[in-house]
Amino acid sequence: MNTARIRVLQITDPHLFADPSSTLMGINTSETLDEVLAKIQSDYQEMACLLVTGDLTQDDSEASYQHLKEKLLKIQAPSYWLRGNHDQPHLMEAVNPSAMQKQVILGDWQIVLLNTQVEGKIHGYLNETELELLDTCLKQDPDRHTLLALHHHPAPINSRWMDQIMLENPDDLARIITHHDNIRGIIHGHVHQARKYQFCDIPVMATPSTCVQFAPGSDKFLADTRQPGFRVLDLFPDGQLESRIVRVREEPMKVDIKSNGY
């Protein structure tokens, strides 16, 4: 295998507030994001880009998006943002239009970022515009390896409450995918946990939030005590993809596990 690799990092679901002292389920989301970014700066400075896959802020304010943009200036690589169900697209565009690219070309690879947000709803949906974009990106250069980035998960993860708010039309996504053979992996956020599974025989990777985690396999909302983290993806010229989760530390996080929602 050619070892010349492209490194991409993913963070997701930071849920920032305009007020950096605000908390979510007892967790200061600004401070936990700072910890994640400090770990990235310390150990993973060499990267092609940083993907931020949705639920960027919690309070629907322009100031919270500005807060995120300023924090990401510490990272010496471009960042690309996806909408999550909590996000305000017009504010994202206003604050950081250069981060809203739909296709990123990196050598032998492309990253396609698809919007699964349904404004005002929690579940996800890929409209025809997004599906056509994916089809076009896959067709125009069939020899280029593709990493697909979403916010919502495209298949059940054995968590009843989360699976009620997943991508609502996975069959439409599958219809596009099965007509091409150059997608090498799918990443997403939304579920606030690390997980790896298959969709259309393609590896799918869920990434922990930079703030609060959700307990895997839970029928109802339940917080987890695992620490915040991020995903490292190494993309190789022959189409191989290596990935791992990095957490800020190992010991359990102090979180309000009795909370019934966020």
C-alpha atoms as a PDB file:
ATOM      1  CA  MET A   1       0.000   0.000   0.000  1.00  0.00           C
ATOM      2  CA  ASN A   2       1.253   3.476  -0.837  1.00  0.00           C
ATOM      3  CA  THR A   3       1.794   5.123   2.533  1.00  0.00           C
ATOM      4  CA  ALA A   4       1.375   8.686   1.242  1.00  0.00           C
ATOM      5  CA  ARG A   5      -1.833   9.494   3.061  1.00  0.00           C
ATOM      6  CA  ILE A   6      -4.182  12.437   3.426  1.00  0.00           C
ATOM      7  CA  ARG A   7      -5.259  13.101   6.994  1.00  0.00           C
ATOM      8  CA  VAL A   8      -8.720  14.481   7.729  1.00  0.00           C
ATOM      9  CA  LEU A   9     -10.123  15.139  11.195  1.00  0.00           C
ATOM     10  CA  GLN A  10     -13.800  15.216  12.188  1.00  0.00           C
ATOM     11  CA  ILE A  11     -15.413  16.929  15.146  1.00  0.00           C
ATOM     12  CA  THR A  12     -19.151  16.993  15.681  1.00  0.00           C
ATOM     13  CA  ASP A  13     -22.027  18.280  17.806  1.00  0.00           C
ATOM     14  CA  PRO A  14     -20.201  20.969  19.805  1.00  0.00           C
ATOM     15  CA  HIS A  15     -23.493  22.674  20.839  1.00  0.00           C
ATOM     16  CA  LEU A  16     -21.872  26.029  21.580  1.00  0.00           C
ATOM     17  CA  PHE A  17     -23.558  29.011  23.195  1.00  0.00           C
ATOM     18  CA  ALA A  18     -22.934  32.709  22.687  1.00  0.00           C
ATOM     19  CA  ASP A  19     -22.192  32.876  26.409  1.00  0.00           C
ATOM     20  CA  PRO A  20     -19.090  30.696  26.944  1.00  0.00           C
ATOM     21  CA  SER A  21     -20.089  30.058  30.558  1.00  0.00           C
ATOM     22  CA  SER A  22     -23.333  28.300  29.562  1.00  0.00           C
ATOM     23  CA  THR A  23     -23.703  24.586  30.189  1.00  0.00           C
ATOM     24  CA  LEU A  24     -25.532  21.639  28.658  1.00  0.00           C
ATOM     25  CA  MET A  25     -26.457  18.869  31.090  1.00  0.00           C
ATOM     26  CA  GLY A  26     -23.914  20.259  33.520  1.00  0.00           C
ATOM     27  CA  ILE A  27     -21.152  20.403  30.890  1.00  0.00           C
ATOM     28  CA  ASN A  28     -19.524  23.627  29.693  1.00  0.00           C
ATOM     29  CA  THR A  29     -19.521  23.005  25.941  1.00  0.00           C
ATOM     30  CA  SER A  30     -17.049  25.798  25.249  1.00  0.00           C
ATOM     31  CA  GLU A  31     -14.502  24.299  27.622  1.00  0.00           C
ATOM     32  CA  THR A  32     -14.877  20.754  26.286  1.00  0.00           C
ATOM     33  CA  LEU A  33     -14.419  21.980  22.714  1.00  0.00           C
ATOM     34  CA  ASP A  34     -11.283  23.811  23.847  1.00  0.00           C
ATOM     35  CA  GLU A  35      -9.972  20.533  25.269  1.00  0.00           C
ATOM     36  CA  VAL A  36     -10.629  18.724  22.000  1.00  0.00           C
ATOM     37  CA  LEU A  37      -8.947  21.452  19.956  1.00  0.00           C
ATOM     38  CA  ALA A  38      -5.973  21.501  22.321  1.00  0.00           C
ATOM     39  CA  LYS A  39      -5.555  17.737  21.809  1.00  0.00           C
ATOM     40  CA  ILE A  40      -5.727  18.222  18.046  1.00  0.00           C
ATOM     41  CA  GLN A  41      -3.161  21.031  18.170  1.00  0.00           C
ATOM     42  CA  SER A  42      -0.860  18.954  20.324  1.00  0.00           C
ATOM     43  CA  ASP A  43      -1.011  15.627  18.493  1.00  0.00           C
ATOM     44  CA  TYR A  44      -2.536  16.110  15.028  1.00  0.00           C
ATOM     45  CA  GLN A  45      -1.258  19.339  13.533  1.00  0.00           C
ATOM     46  CA  GLU A  46      -0.691  17.757  10.123  1.00  0.00           C
ATOM     47  CA  MET A  47      -4.080  17.582   8.439  1.00  0.00           C
ATOM     48  CA  ALA A  48      -5.697  18.526   5.155  1.00  0.00           C
ATOM     49  CA  CYS A  49      -8.940  19.765   6.696  1.00  0.00           C
ATOM     50  CA  LEU A  50     -11.285  19.600   9.655  1.00  0.00           C
ATOM     51  CA  LEU A  51     -14.904  18.501   9.155  1.00  0.00           C
ATOM     52  CA  VAL A  52     -17.521  19.811  11.603  1.00  0.00           C
ATOM     53  CA  THR A  53     -20.563  17.620  11.040  1.00  0.00           C
ATOM     54  CA  GLY A  54     -23.498  19.472  12.525  1.00  0.00           C
ATOM     55  CA  ASP A  55     -25.206  20.776  15.669  1.00  0.00           C
ATOM     56  CA  LEU A  56     -22.596  23.464  15.842  1.00  0.00           C
ATOM     57  CA  THR A  57     -24.494  25.616  18.323  1.00  0.00           C
ATOM     58  CA  GLN A  58     -27.289  25.278  20.844  1.00  0.00           C
ATOM     59  CA  ASP A  59     -28.808  28.741  21.199  1.00  0.00           C
ATOM     60  CA  ASP A  60     -29.551  29.718  17.562  1.00  0.00           C
ATOM     61  CA  SER A  61     -27.426  32.879  17.816  1.00  0.00           C
ATOM     62  CA  GLU A  62     -25.025  34.455  15.359  1.00  0.00           C
ATOM     63  CA  ALA A  63     -22.620  35.027  18.245  1.00  0.00           C
ATOM     64  CA  SER A  64     -22.389  31.298  18.918  1.00  0.00           C
ATOM     65  CA  TYR A  65     -21.326  30.607  15.313  1.00  0.00           C
ATOM     66  CA  GLN A  66     -18.811  33.422  15.556  1.00  0.00           C
ATOM     67  CA  HIS A  67     -17.576  31.842  18.768  1.00  0.00           C
ATOM     68  CA  LEU A  68     -16.958  28.574  16.898  1.00  0.00           C
ATOM     69  CA  LYS A  69     -15.256  30.283  13.965  1.00  0.00           C
ATOM     70  CA  GLU A  70     -12.837  32.072  16.291  1.00  0.00           C
ATOM     71  CA  LYS A  71     -11.991  28.861  18.143  1.00  0.00           C
ATOM     72  CA  LEU A  72     -11.231  27.042  14.903  1.00  0.00           C
ATOM     73  CA  LEU A  73      -8.698  29.706  13.905  1.00  0.00           C
ATOM     74  CA  LYS A  74      -6.339  27.833  16.234  1.00  0.00           C
ATOM     75  CA  ILE A  75      -6.332  24.948  13.755  1.00  0.00           C
ATOM     76  CA  GLN A  76      -3.928  25.476  10.852  1.00  0.00           C
ATOM     77  CA  ALA A  77      -6.224  23.868   8.284  1.00  0.00           C
ATOM     78  CA  PRO A  78      -9.509  24.805   6.595  1.00  0.00           C
ATOM     79  CA  SER A  79     -12.715  23.697   8.277  1.00  0.00           C
ATOM     80  CA  TYR A  80     -15.921  22.686   6.517  1.00  0.00           C
ATOM     81  CA  TRP A  81     -19.285  22.819   8.254  1.00  0.00           C
ATOM     82  CA  LEU A  82     -22.440  20.734   7.906  1.00  0.00           C
ATOM     83  CA  ARG A  83     -25.881  21.631   9.205  1.00  0.00           C
ATOM     84  CA  GLY A  84     -27.348  19.602  12.045  1.00  0.00           C
ATOM     85  CA  ASN A  85     -30.923  19.585  13.274  1.00  0.00           C
ATOM     86  CA  HIS A  86     -30.083  22.332  15.816  1.00  0.00           C
ATOM     87  CA  ASP A  87     -28.483  24.662  13.272  1.00  0.00           C
ATOM     88  CA  GLN A  88     -29.493  27.891  11.560  1.00  0.00           C
ATOM     89  CA  PRO A  89     -28.209  27.716   7.963  1.00  0.00           C
ATOM     90  CA  HIS A  90     -28.559  31.428   7.229  1.00  0.00           C
ATOM     91  CA  LEU A  91     -26.340  32.240  10.213  1.00  0.00           C
ATOM     92  CA  MET A  92     -23.777  29.634   9.226  1.00  0.00           C
ATOM     93  CA  GLU A  93     -23.594  31.145   5.743  1.00  0.00           C
ATOM     94  CA  ALA A  94     -23.361  34.673   7.121  1.00  0.00           C
ATOM     95  CA  VAL A  95     -20.608  33.924   9.636  1.00  0.00           C
ATOM     96  CA  ASN A  96     -18.416  31.532   7.648  1.00  0.00           C
ATOM     97  CA  PRO A  97     -19.441  31.152   3.974  1.00  0.00           C
ATOM     98  CA  SER A  98     -16.099  29.595   3.000  1.00  0.00           C
ATOM     99  CA  ALA A  99     -16.822  26.687   5.364  1.00  0.00           C
ATOM    100  CA  MET A 100     -20.019  25.728   3.551  1.00  0.00           C
ATOM    101  CA  GLN A 101     -18.483  23.876   0.619  1.00  0.00           C
ATOM    102  CA  LYS A 102     -20.279  20.792  -0.645  1.00  0.00           C
ATOM    103  CA  GLN A 103     -17.316  19.104  -2.336  1.00  0.00           C
ATOM    104  CA  VAL A 104     -13.685  19.123  -1.234  1.00  0.00           C
ATOM    105  CA  ILE A 105     -11.013  17.677  -3.549  1.00  0.00           C
ATOM    106  CA  LEU A 106      -7.937  16.216  -1.838  1.00  0.00           C
ATOM    107  CA  GLY A 107      -5.588  14.449  -4.232  1.00  0.00           C
ATOM    108  CA  ASP A 108      -7.029  11.053  -5.146  1.00  0.00           C
ATOM    109  CA  TRP A 109     -10.001  11.711  -2.860  1.00  0.00           C
ATOM    110  CA  GLN A 110     -13.093  13.866  -2.669  1.00  0.00           C
ATOM    111  CA  ILE A 111     -15.232  14.616   0.349  1.00  0.00           C
ATOM    112  CA  VAL A 112     -18.915  15.206  -0.356  1.00  0.00           C
ATOM    113  CA  LEU A 113     -20.820  16.975   2.418  1.00  0.00           C
ATOM    114  CA  LEU A 114     -24.570  16.433   2.204  1.00  0.00           C
ATOM    115  CA  ASN A 115     -27.188  18.446   4.063  1.00  0.00           C
ATOM    116  CA  THR A 116     -29.625  16.159   5.910  1.00  0.00           C
ATOM    117  CA  GLN A 117     -31.314  18.935   7.891  1.00  0.00           C
ATOM    118  CA  VAL A 118     -35.087  19.355   7.815  1.00  0.00           C
ATOM    119  CA  GLU A 119     -35.615  22.839   9.195  1.00  0.00           C
ATOM    120  CA  GLY A 120     -37.707  22.761  12.346  1.00  0.00           C
ATOM    121  CA  LYS A 121     -37.478  18.962  12.669  1.00  0.00           C
ATOM    122  CA  ILE A 122     -35.112  16.571  14.451  1.00  0.00           C
ATOM    123  CA  HIS A 123     -35.008  13.733  11.907  1.00  0.00           C
ATOM    124  CA  GLY A 124     -32.966  13.920   8.733  1.00  0.00           C
ATOM    125  CA  TYR A 125     -33.876  13.849   5.064  1.00  0.00           C
ATOM    126  CA  LEU A 126     -31.922  14.065   1.805  1.00  0.00           C
ATOM    127  CA  ASN A 127     -33.848  16.092  -0.740  1.00  0.00           C
ATOM    128  CA  GLU A 128     -33.470  15.648  -4.495  1.00  0.00           C
ATOM    129  CA  THR A 129     -30.955  18.480  -4.764  1.00  0.00           C
ATOM    130  CA  GLU A 130     -28.597  16.751  -2.346  1.00  0.00           C
ATOM    131  CA  LEU A 131     -29.083  13.358  -3.964  1.00  0.00           C
ATOM    132  CA  GLU A 132     -28.406  14.794  -7.418  1.00  0.00           C
ATOM    133  CA  LEU A 133     -25.296  16.517  -6.103  1.00  0.00           C
ATOM    134  CA  LEU A 134     -23.971  13.220  -4.769  1.00  0.00           C
ATOM    135  CA  ASP A 135     -24.747  11.441  -8.034  1.00  0.00           C
ATOM    136  CA  THR A 136     -22.962  14.162 -10.020  1.00  0.00           C
ATOM    137  CA  CYS A 137     -19.874  14.124  -7.789  1.00  0.00           C
ATOM    138  CA  LEU A 138     -19.617  10.343  -8.096  1.00  0.00           C
ATOM    139  CA  LYS A 139     -20.140  10.359 -11.866  1.00  0.00           C
ATOM    140  CA  GLN A 140     -17.821  13.179 -12.836  1.00  0.00           C
ATOM    141  CA  ASP A 141     -14.663  11.415 -11.656  1.00  0.00           C
ATOM    142  CA  PRO A 142     -15.403   7.715 -11.081  1.00  0.00           C
ATOM    143  CA  ASP A 143     -11.767   6.904 -10.278  1.00  0.00           C
ATOM    144  CA  ARG A 144     -11.632   9.376  -7.395  1.00  0.00           C
ATOM    145  CA  HIS A 145     -12.219   7.802  -3.972  1.00  0.00           C
ATOM    146  CA  THR A 146     -15.055   9.382  -2.003  1.00  0.00           C
ATOM    147  CA  LEU A 147     -15.692  10.059   1.664  1.00  0.00           C
ATOM    148  CA  LEU A 148     -19.311  10.983   2.343  1.00  0.00           C
ATOM    149  CA  ALA A 149     -20.135  13.231   5.326  1.00  0.00           C
ATOM    150  CA  LEU A 150     -23.635  13.559   6.846  1.00  0.00           C
ATOM    151  CA  HIS A 151     -25.127  14.734  10.107  1.00  0.00           C
ATOM    152  CA  HIS A 152     -27.870  12.114  10.590  1.00  0.00           C
ATOM    153  CA  HIS A 153     -27.190   8.386  10.672  1.00  0.00           C
ATOM    154  CA  PRO A 154     -28.343   6.462   7.566  1.00  0.00           C
ATOM    155  CA  ALA A 155     -29.132   3.169   9.313  1.00  0.00           C
ATOM    156  CA  PRO A 156     -30.387   2.063  12.756  1.00  0.00           C
ATOM    157  CA  ILE A 157     -27.815   1.914  15.555  1.00  0.00           C
ATOM    158  CA  ASN A 158     -29.851  -0.198  18.016  1.00  0.00           C
ATOM    159  CA  SER A 159     -30.959   2.814  20.043  1.00  0.00           C
ATOM    160  CA  ARG A 160     -34.735   3.203  19.772  1.00  0.00           C
ATOM    161  CA  TRP A 161     -34.994   6.910  20.570  1.00  0.00           C
ATOM    162  CA  MET A 162     -32.126   7.818  18.246  1.00  0.00           C
ATOM    163  CA  ASP A 163     -33.389   5.578  15.447  1.00  0.00           C
ATOM    164  CA  GLN A 164     -36.665   7.512  15.455  1.00  0.00           C
ATOM    165  CA  ILE A 165     -34.726  10.630  14.422  1.00  0.00           C
ATOM    166  CA  MET A 166     -32.277   9.150  11.886  1.00  0.00           C
ATOM    167  CA  LEU A 167     -32.211   9.808   8.142  1.00  0.00           C
ATOM    168  CA  GLU A 168     -35.809   9.340   7.027  1.00  0.00           C
ATOM    169  CA  ASN A 169     -35.102   8.287   3.442  1.00  0.00           C
ATOM    170  CA  PRO A 170     -32.071   5.963   3.527  1.00  0.00           C
ATOM    171  CA  ASP A 171     -33.438   4.021   0.538  1.00  0.00           C
ATOM    172  CA  ASP A 172     -32.977   7.096  -1.658  1.00  0.00           C
ATOM    173  CA  LEU A 173     -29.362   7.361  -0.538  1.00  0.00           C
ATOM    174  CA  ALA A 174     -28.872   3.633  -1.150  1.00  0.00           C
ATOM    175  CA  ARG A 175     -30.279   4.028  -4.669  1.00  0.00           C
ATOM    176  CA  ILE A 176     -27.497   6.495  -5.531  1.00  0.00           C
ATOM    177  CA  ILE A 177     -24.747   4.571  -3.764  1.00  0.00           C
ATOM    178  CA  THR A 178     -25.491   1.251  -5.438  1.00  0.00           C
ATOM    179  CA  HIS A 179     -25.001   2.783  -8.895  1.00  0.00           C
ATOM    180  CA  HIS A 180     -21.389   3.710  -8.082  1.00  0.00           C
ATOM    181  CA  ASP A 181     -18.371   1.947  -6.680  1.00  0.00           C
ATOM    182  CA  ASN A 182     -16.148   4.806  -5.507  1.00  0.00           C
ATOM    183  CA  ILE A 183     -17.531   5.553  -2.014  1.00  0.00           C
ATOM    184  CA  ARG A 184     -15.031   4.272   0.546  1.00  0.00           C
ATOM    185  CA  GLY A 185     -16.622   5.467   3.773  1.00  0.00           C
ATOM    186  CA  ILE A 186     -19.424   7.467   5.398  1.00  0.00           C
ATOM    187  CA  ILE A 187     -19.044   9.593   8.522  1.00  0.00           C
ATOM    188  CA  HIS A 188     -21.739  11.292  10.574  1.00  0.00           C
ATOM    189  CA  GLY A 189     -22.512  12.993  13.865  1.00  0.00           C
ATOM    190  CA  HIS A 190     -25.898  13.354  15.621  1.00  0.00           C
ATOM    191  CA  VAL A 191     -25.669  10.235  17.809  1.00  0.00           C
ATOM    192  CA  HIS A 192     -23.018  11.526  20.255  1.00  0.00           C
ATOM    193  CA  GLN A 193     -21.173   8.207  20.402  1.00  0.00           C
ATOM    194  CA  ALA A 194     -18.512   6.185  18.627  1.00  0.00           C
ATOM    195  CA  ARG A 195     -19.877   3.460  16.424  1.00  0.00           C
ATOM    196  CA  LYS A 196     -18.927   1.559  13.277  1.00  0.00           C
ATOM    197  CA  TYR A 197     -21.368  -0.339  11.066  1.00  0.00           C
ATOM    198  CA  GLN A 198     -22.254  -0.955   7.414  1.00  0.00           C
ATOM    199  CA  PHE A 199     -24.619   0.713   4.958  1.00  0.00           C
ATOM    200  CA  CYS A 200     -24.768  -0.702   1.415  1.00  0.00           C
ATOM    201  CA  ASP A 201     -21.602  -2.647   2.291  1.00  0.00           C
ATOM    202  CA  ILE A 202     -19.778   0.629   2.981  1.00  0.00           C
ATOM    203  CA  PRO A 203     -18.204   1.309   6.391  1.00  0.00           C
ATOM    204  CA  VAL A 204     -20.099   3.951   8.361  1.00  0.00           C
ATOM    205  CA  MET A 205     -18.475   5.728  11.298  1.00  0.00           C
ATOM    206  CA  ALA A 206     -20.267   7.696  14.001  1.00  0.00           C
ATOM    207  CA  THR A 207     -18.139  10.110  15.998  1.00  0.00           C
ATOM    208  CA  PRO A 208     -18.399  11.265  19.627  1.00  0.00           C
ATOM    209  CA  SER A 209     -19.536  14.776  20.401  1.00  0.00           C
ATOM    210  CA  THR A 210     -17.076  17.372  21.618  1.00  0.00           C
ATOM    211  CA  CYS A 211     -19.404  17.811  24.610  1.00  0.00           C
ATOM    212  CA  VAL A 212     -21.946  15.346  26.098  1.00  0.00           C
ATOM    213  CA  GLN A 213     -22.101  11.693  24.992  1.00  0.00           C
ATOM    214  CA  PHE A 214     -25.197   9.481  24.641  1.00  0.00           C
ATOM    215  CA  ALA A 215     -25.302   5.949  26.035  1.00  0.00           C
ATOM    216  CA  PRO A 216     -25.138   3.304  23.267  1.00  0.00           C
ATOM    217  CA  GLY A 217     -28.025   0.858  22.900  1.00  0.00           C
ATOM    218  CA  SER A 218     -30.452   2.887  25.013  1.00  0.00           C
ATOM    219  CA  ASP A 219     -34.199   2.787  24.280  1.00  0.00           C
ATOM    220  CA  LYS A 220     -34.694   6.284  25.704  1.00  0.00           C
ATOM    221  CA  PHE A 221     -32.541   9.366  26.135  1.00  0.00           C
ATOM    222  CA  LEU A 222     -29.619   8.586  28.417  1.00  0.00           C
ATOM    223  CA  ALA A 223     -26.343  10.453  28.833  1.00  0.00           C
ATOM    224  CA  ASP A 224     -23.055   8.617  28.951  1.00  0.00           C
ATOM    225  CA  THR A 225     -19.943   9.325  31.021  1.00  0.00           C
ATOM    226  CA  ARG A 226     -17.420   8.793  28.226  1.00  0.00           C
ATOM    227  CA  GLN A 227     -15.214  11.766  27.492  1.00  0.00           C
ATOM    228  CA  PRO A 228     -15.499  14.065  24.457  1.00  0.00           C
ATOM    229  CA  GLY A 229     -13.503  13.091  21.412  1.00  0.00           C
ATOM    230  CA  PHE A 230     -12.920  13.362  17.685  1.00  0.00           C
ATOM    231  CA  ARG A 231     -12.158  11.137  14.710  1.00  0.00           C
ATOM    232  CA  VAL A 232      -8.931  10.845  12.732  1.00  0.00           C
ATOM    233  CA  LEU A 233      -9.234   9.564   9.165  1.00  0.00           C
ATOM    234  CA  ASP A 234      -6.251   8.620   7.026  1.00  0.00           C
ATOM    235  CA  LEU A 235      -7.079   8.398   3.321  1.00  0.00           C
ATOM    236  CA  PHE A 236      -4.667   6.466   1.080  1.00  0.00           C
ATOM    237  CA  PRO A 237      -4.162   6.710  -2.707  1.00  0.00           C
ATOM    238  CA  ASP A 238      -5.348   3.153  -3.275  1.00  0.00           C
ATOM    239  CA  GLY A 239      -8.721   3.872  -1.637  1.00  0.00           C
ATOM    240  CA  GLN A 240      -7.987   2.383   1.744  1.00  0.00           C
ATOM    241  CA  LEU A 241      -9.278   4.304   4.726  1.00  0.00           C
ATOM    242  CA  GLU A 242      -8.003   4.005   8.289  1.00  0.00           C
ATOM    243  CA  SER A 243      -9.870   5.621  11.161  1.00  0.00           C
ATOM    244  CA  ARG A 244      -9.726   5.919  14.912  1.00  0.00           C
ATOM    245  CA  ILE A 245     -11.390   7.763  17.769  1.00  0.00           C
ATOM    246  CA  VAL A 246      -9.320   9.945  20.096  1.00  0.00           C
ATOM    247  CA  ARG A 247     -10.762  11.095  23.432  1.00  0.00           C
ATOM    248  CA  VAL A 248      -9.441  13.896  25.576  1.00  0.00           C
ATOM    249  CA  ARG A 249      -8.895  11.548  28.531  1.00  0.00           C
ATOM    250  CA  GLU A 250      -9.885   8.127  29.828  1.00  0.00           C
ATOM    251  CA  GLU A 251     -11.580   8.680  33.181  1.00  0.00           C
ATOM    252  CA  PRO A 252     -15.391   9.097  33.290  1.00  0.00           C
ATOM    253  CA  MET A 253     -16.795  12.565  32.715  1.00  0.00           C
ATOM    254  CA  LYS A 254     -19.015  14.186  35.314  1.00  0.00           C
ATOM    255  CA  VAL A 255     -22.335  14.738  33.569  1.00  0.00           C
ATOM    256  CA  ASP A 256     -25.954  15.034  34.692  1.00  0.00           C
ATOM    257  CA  ILE A 257     -26.977  11.498  33.688  1.00  0.00           C
ATOM    258  CA  LYS A 258     -30.438  12.042  35.194  1.00  0.00           C
ATOM    259  CA  SER A 259     -31.292  14.639  32.566  1.00  0.00           C
ATOM    260  CA  ASN A 260     -34.223  13.630  30.376  1.00  0.00           C
ATOM    261  CA  GLY A 261     -33.115  15.554  27.333  1.00  0.00           C
ATOM    262  CA  TYR A 262     -31.139  18.409  25.842  1.00  0.00           C
END
